[in-house]
Protein backbone atom coordinates (compact mmCIF):
# COMPACT_ATOMS: atom_id res chain seq x y z
CA UNK A 1 26.58 -14.11 -39.27
CA UNK A 2 26.81 -17.53 -37.60
CA UNK A 3 30.36 -16.75 -36.43
CA UNK A 4 29.15 -13.49 -34.89
CA UNK A 5 26.34 -15.33 -33.10
CA UNK A 6 28.79 -17.88 -31.71
CA UNK A 7 31.14 -15.13 -30.51
CA UNK A 8 28.25 -13.32 -28.84
CA UNK A 9 27.11 -16.57 -27.20
CA UNK A 10 30.65 -17.21 -25.94
CA UNK A 11 30.67 -13.76 -24.34
CA UNK A 12 27.36 -14.51 -22.66
CA UNK A 13 28.62 -17.85 -21.35
CA UNK A 14 31.80 -16.27 -20.03
CA UNK A 15 29.76 -13.81 -17.99
CA UNK A 16 27.27 -16.34 -16.60
CA UNK A 17 28.69 -15.80 -13.12
CA UNK A 18 27.41 -12.23 -13.05
CA UNK A 19 24.07 -12.17 -11.28
CA UNK A 20 21.49 -10.05 -13.04
CA UNK A 21 20.32 -8.52 -9.78
CA UNK A 22 23.75 -6.84 -9.53
CA UNK A 23 22.96 -5.08 -12.82
CA UNK A 24 19.19 -4.71 -12.88
CA UNK A 25 16.50 -4.41 -10.33
CA UNK A 26 13.58 -6.81 -10.41
CA UNK A 27 11.36 -4.13 -11.95
CA UNK A 28 13.73 -3.67 -14.90
CA UNK A 29 14.06 -7.44 -15.39
CA UNK A 30 10.25 -7.73 -15.45
CA UNK A 31 9.97 -4.79 -17.84
CA UNK A 32 12.49 -6.31 -20.25
CA UNK A 33 10.66 -9.62 -20.20
CA UNK A 34 7.32 -7.85 -20.76
CA UNK A 35 8.69 -6.02 -23.83
CA UNK A 36 9.93 -9.25 -25.42
CA UNK A 37 6.72 -11.11 -24.53
CA UNK A 38 4.65 -8.28 -26.03
CA UNK A 39 6.68 -8.32 -29.24
CA UNK A 40 6.31 -12.12 -29.49
CA UNK A 41 2.54 -11.71 -29.01
CA UNK A 42 2.51 -9.08 -31.76
CA UNK A 43 4.33 -11.48 -34.10
CA UNK A 44 1.81 -14.22 -33.24
CA UNK A 45 -1.00 -11.83 -34.20
CA UNK A 46 0.83 -10.61 -37.33
CA UNK A 47 0.57 -7.11 -35.87
CA UNK A 48 3.50 -5.44 -37.63
CA UNK A 49 2.80 -2.03 -36.09
CA UNK A 50 2.87 -3.32 -32.51
CA UNK A 51 5.94 -5.52 -33.08
CA UNK A 52 7.78 -2.58 -34.66
CA UNK A 53 6.94 -0.34 -31.69
CA UNK A 54 9.10 -2.51 -29.39
CA UNK A 55 12.17 -2.08 -31.64
CA UNK A 56 14.71 0.62 -30.95
CA UNK A 57 14.89 3.73 -33.10
CA UNK A 58 17.96 2.33 -34.85
CA UNK A 59 16.11 -0.86 -35.83
CA UNK A 60 13.13 1.19 -36.97
CA UNK A 61 15.35 3.39 -39.14
CA UNK A 62 17.05 0.34 -40.63
CA UNK A 63 13.79 -1.30 -41.74
CA UNK A 64 11.77 1.85 -42.40
CA UNK A 65 8.29 0.37 -42.06
CA UNK A 66 6.57 -2.10 -39.76
CA UNK A 67 5.79 -4.30 -42.76
CA UNK A 68 9.47 -4.50 -43.78
CA UNK A 69 10.41 -5.38 -40.21
CA UNK A 70 7.79 -8.12 -39.94
CA UNK A 71 8.81 -9.56 -43.32
CA UNK A 72 12.45 -9.73 -42.18
CA UNK A 73 11.56 -11.47 -38.91
CA UNK A 74 9.28 -13.94 -40.70
CA UNK A 75 12.01 -14.81 -43.23
CA UNK A 76 15.15 -14.69 -41.08
CA UNK A 77 13.94 -15.54 -37.57
CA UNK A 78 11.14 -18.10 -37.98
CA UNK A 79 11.50 -19.42 -34.43
CA UNK A 80 11.14 -15.87 -33.06
CA UNK A 81 8.19 -15.27 -35.37
CA UNK A 82 6.38 -18.45 -34.22
CA UNK A 83 8.07 -20.13 -31.22
CA UNK A 84 6.56 -23.38 -29.95
CA UNK A 85 7.93 -22.71 -26.46
CA UNK A 86 9.69 -19.80 -24.78
CA UNK A 87 11.85 -19.85 -21.64
CA UNK A 88 13.50 -16.71 -20.28
CA UNK A 89 16.95 -16.95 -18.72
CA UNK A 90 18.41 -14.30 -16.44
CA UNK A 91 19.33 -11.03 -18.13
CA UNK A 92 23.05 -10.27 -18.21
CA UNK A 93 25.23 -7.22 -18.61
CA UNK A 94 27.87 -7.55 -21.34
CA UNK A 95 29.99 -4.44 -21.47
CA UNK A 96 27.56 -1.54 -21.54
CA UNK A 97 24.67 -3.63 -22.88
CA UNK A 98 21.90 -5.58 -21.22
CA UNK A 99 21.27 -8.91 -22.94
CA UNK A 100 18.18 -11.02 -22.31
CA UNK A 101 18.68 -14.65 -23.33
CA UNK A 102 15.53 -16.51 -24.33
CA UNK A 103 15.49 -20.21 -25.10
CA UNK A 104 12.95 -21.07 -27.79
CA UNK A 105 11.84 -24.27 -29.48
CA UNK A 106 10.61 -24.35 -33.05
CA UNK A 107 7.85 -26.51 -34.53
CA UNK A 108 10.38 -29.31 -35.16
CA UNK A 109 11.41 -29.39 -31.47
CA UNK A 110 14.82 -27.81 -32.15
CA UNK A 111 16.12 -25.56 -29.39
CA UNK A 112 17.36 -22.06 -30.19
CA UNK A 113 18.90 -19.32 -28.07
CA UNK A 114 17.76 -15.79 -28.88
CA UNK A 115 19.99 -13.12 -27.39
CA UNK A 116 18.09 -9.83 -27.21
CA UNK A 117 20.11 -6.64 -26.86
CA UNK A 118 18.06 -4.22 -24.83
CA UNK A 119 18.24 -0.43 -24.90
CA UNK A 120 16.97 1.82 -22.12
CA UNK A 121 14.99 4.77 -23.43
CA UNK A 122 15.06 8.33 -22.04
CA UNK A 123 11.71 7.66 -20.33
CA UNK A 124 13.34 4.63 -18.59
CA UNK A 125 11.36 2.10 -20.65
CA UNK A 126 13.11 -0.63 -22.66
CA UNK A 127 13.25 -1.42 -26.38
CA UNK A 128 14.87 -4.21 -28.34
CA UNK A 129 17.98 -3.04 -30.19
CA UNK A 130 18.88 -6.36 -31.79
CA UNK A 131 18.59 -10.11 -31.60
CA UNK A 132 21.20 -12.75 -32.31
CA UNK A 133 19.87 -16.25 -32.83
CA UNK A 134 21.90 -19.42 -32.52
CA UNK A 135 20.75 -23.02 -32.77
CA UNK A 136 21.44 -25.72 -30.25
CA UNK A 137 22.02 -29.36 -31.07
CA UNK A 138 19.40 -30.25 -28.48
CA UNK A 139 15.78 -31.16 -28.96
CA UNK A 140 13.00 -30.84 -26.45
CA UNK A 141 12.45 -33.99 -24.45
């Protein structure tokens, strides 16, 4: 899993020269950020139903219930479940996917990069179709 996260991060870094405004309009960038912020707020409130609602159909099918999804996030993505700080970077297009990078710090001041794969829905809204998390050797200063 860690190797996959590093490969995904390398792809993001290789495409850093691509401006997000070439891919997305400001309204889409704001909508993507709002979806992730709303899911983080749902995690903070332990609202499994709301957090699950922001996941794509594929994620929902994989975990089956909101409670299973929340339990997985709590166990496998503790910094996403309870970030101390959150900083959004510019969204990027990687192949056919939109990826929103979010820098997060955990309660021990370690910095993490969460790479959210976003999926546009038929109604033009956005949902989260996956998240790859990688740690940084940095600490907040």
